[in-house]
Amino acid sequence: MLRNAAIAVLLATAGSAAFAQAATPGVDQRQLNQERRIEQGERTGALTTREANRLEAGQARVERMEERAKSDGTVTRGERARLHQAQGVQSARIARQKHDRQHNFNHNGRVDRPRRR
């Protein structure tokens, strides 16, 4: 009985350790911040619908990279570096698109607001 309890505790600890290694809070927070930047750009008209869609597709690529890195239960230093590099590329794309001369204006010169879904 005591042996079974000890084995159960050992397995629970090992499982949580593997999960802790696969956690990527910095990557997740940066993803969230970049998604908010895209949404803000859409709301203000700094991004056209097409630009926002492309940027969101880029964010989805980074999310898939993260899922592949986590798939074995451990995110290695190299995988983490590649994720940060990909996020840096996406961040630069967001900045470039938000500050270009393309805006989402309607025929009255007002910002087109996307409809709530």
Protein backbone atom coordinates (compact mmCIF):
# COMPACT_ATOMS: atom_id res chain seq x y z
CA MET A 1 0.00 0.00 0.00
CA LEU A 2 2.72 2.44 0.99
CA ARG A 3 4.73 1.42 -2.06
CA ASN A 4 1.79 2.19 -4.38
CA ALA A 5 1.36 5.61 -2.78
CA ALA A 6 5.07 6.36 -3.23
CA ILE A 7 4.92 5.33 -6.87
CA ALA A 8 1.86 7.51 -7.43
CA VAL A 9 3.62 10.53 -5.90
CA LEU A 10 6.73 9.86 -7.99
CA LEU A 11 4.71 9.65 -11.21
CA ALA A 12 2.77 12.82 -10.39
CA THR A 13 6.00 14.69 -9.71
CA ALA A 14 7.63 13.45 -12.91
CA GLY A 15 4.58 14.41 -14.96
CA SER A 16 4.47 17.93 -13.54
CA ALA A 17 8.22 18.34 -14.12
CA ALA A 18 7.79 17.48 -17.80
CA PHE A 19 4.90 19.91 -18.04
CA ALA A 20 6.94 22.64 -16.34
CA GLN A 21 9.72 22.23 -18.90
CA ALA A 22 7.24 22.58 -21.74
CA ALA A 23 5.71 25.77 -20.30
CA THR A 24 6.59 28.87 -22.28
CA PRO A 25 5.14 31.84 -20.38
CA GLY A 26 7.38 34.42 -22.08
CA VAL A 27 6.50 33.15 -25.54
CA ASP A 28 2.79 33.01 -24.66
CA GLN A 29 2.76 36.56 -23.28
CA ARG A 30 4.53 37.92 -26.35
CA GLN A 31 2.03 36.14 -28.62
CA LEU A 32 -0.83 37.72 -26.68
CA ASN A 33 0.75 41.18 -26.88
CA GLN A 34 1.28 40.89 -30.63
CA GLU A 35 -2.30 39.72 -31.20
CA ARG A 36 -3.49 42.75 -29.22
CA ARG A 37 -1.33 45.03 -31.39
CA ILE A 38 -2.97 43.60 -34.51
CA GLU A 39 -6.47 44.05 -33.06
CA GLN A 40 -5.65 47.63 -32.03
CA GLY A 41 -4.36 48.36 -35.53
CA GLU A 42 -7.62 47.07 -37.02
CA ARG A 43 -9.73 49.17 -34.63
CA THR A 44 -7.86 52.39 -35.37
CA GLY A 45 -7.61 51.81 -39.10
CA ALA A 46 -3.80 51.63 -39.07
CA LEU A 47 -4.13 48.14 -40.59
CA THR A 48 -6.24 47.22 -43.57
CA THR A 49 -8.28 44.04 -43.35
CA ARG A 50 -5.87 42.32 -45.72
CA GLU A 51 -2.83 43.36 -43.68
CA ALA A 52 -4.46 42.17 -40.46
CA ASN A 53 -5.34 38.81 -42.02
CA ARG A 54 -1.76 38.30 -43.17
CA LEU A 55 -0.36 39.25 -39.77
CA GLU A 56 -2.78 36.89 -38.03
CA ALA A 57 -1.64 34.10 -40.36
CA GLY A 58 1.94 34.83 -39.32
CA GLN A 59 0.93 34.63 -35.66
CA ALA A 60 -0.73 31.28 -36.36
CA ARG A 61 2.56 30.00 -37.87
CA VAL A 62 4.41 30.94 -34.69
CA GLU A 63 1.73 29.19 -32.60
CA ARG A 64 2.16 26.02 -34.68
CA MET A 65 5.93 26.23 -34.15
CA GLU A 66 5.31 26.47 -30.41
CA GLU A 67 2.98 23.45 -30.46
CA ARG A 68 5.58 21.39 -32.34
CA ALA A 69 8.24 22.43 -29.83
CA LYS A 70 6.01 21.41 -26.92
CA SER A 71 4.90 18.13 -28.51
CA ASP A 72 7.65 16.05 -26.93
CA GLY A 73 7.12 17.59 -23.48
CA THR A 74 10.29 19.69 -23.47
CA VAL A 75 11.10 22.97 -25.15
CA THR A 76 14.85 23.02 -25.71
CA ARG A 77 17.01 26.13 -25.62
CA GLY A 78 17.31 26.01 -29.43
CA GLU A 79 13.55 25.67 -29.91
CA ARG A 80 12.97 28.58 -27.55
CA ALA A 81 15.52 30.68 -29.48
CA ARG A 82 13.78 29.88 -32.78
CA LEU A 83 10.42 30.83 -31.27
CA HIS A 84 11.80 34.17 -30.05
CA GLN A 85 13.39 34.81 -33.43
CA ALA A 86 10.11 34.08 -35.24
CA GLN A 87 8.26 36.36 -32.84
CA GLY A 88 10.80 39.11 -33.51
CA VAL A 89 10.17 38.80 -37.25
CA GLN A 90 6.42 38.98 -36.66
CA SER A 91 6.81 41.99 -34.36
CA ALA A 92 8.75 43.85 -37.05
CA ARG A 93 6.09 42.98 -39.64
CA ILE A 94 3.34 44.30 -37.36
CA ALA A 95 5.22 47.56 -36.79
CA ARG A 96 5.97 47.98 -40.49
CA GLN A 97 2.36 47.38 -41.54
CA LYS A 98 0.90 49.61 -38.82
CA HIS A 99 3.10 52.52 -39.84
CA ASP A 100 2.87 52.31 -43.62
CA ARG A 101 0.68 54.66 -45.61
CA GLN A 102 -2.16 52.19 -46.06
CA HIS A 103 -5.16 52.85 -43.87
CA ASN A 104 -8.61 51.37 -43.62
CA PHE A 105 -10.72 54.44 -44.50
CA ASN A 106 -14.14 54.44 -46.07
CA HIS A 107 -15.30 56.82 -48.81
CA ASN A 108 -16.13 59.57 -46.23
CA GLY A 109 -12.57 59.68 -44.93
CA ARG A 110 -13.53 57.96 -41.70
CA VAL A 111 -11.95 54.83 -40.31
CA ASP A 112 -13.88 51.70 -41.22
CA ARG A 113 -14.61 49.88 -38.00
CA PRO A 114 -14.74 46.10 -38.27
CA ARG A 115 -18.07 44.63 -37.26
CA ARG A 116 -18.28 42.70 -34.01
CA ARG A 117 -18.60 38.97 -34.50
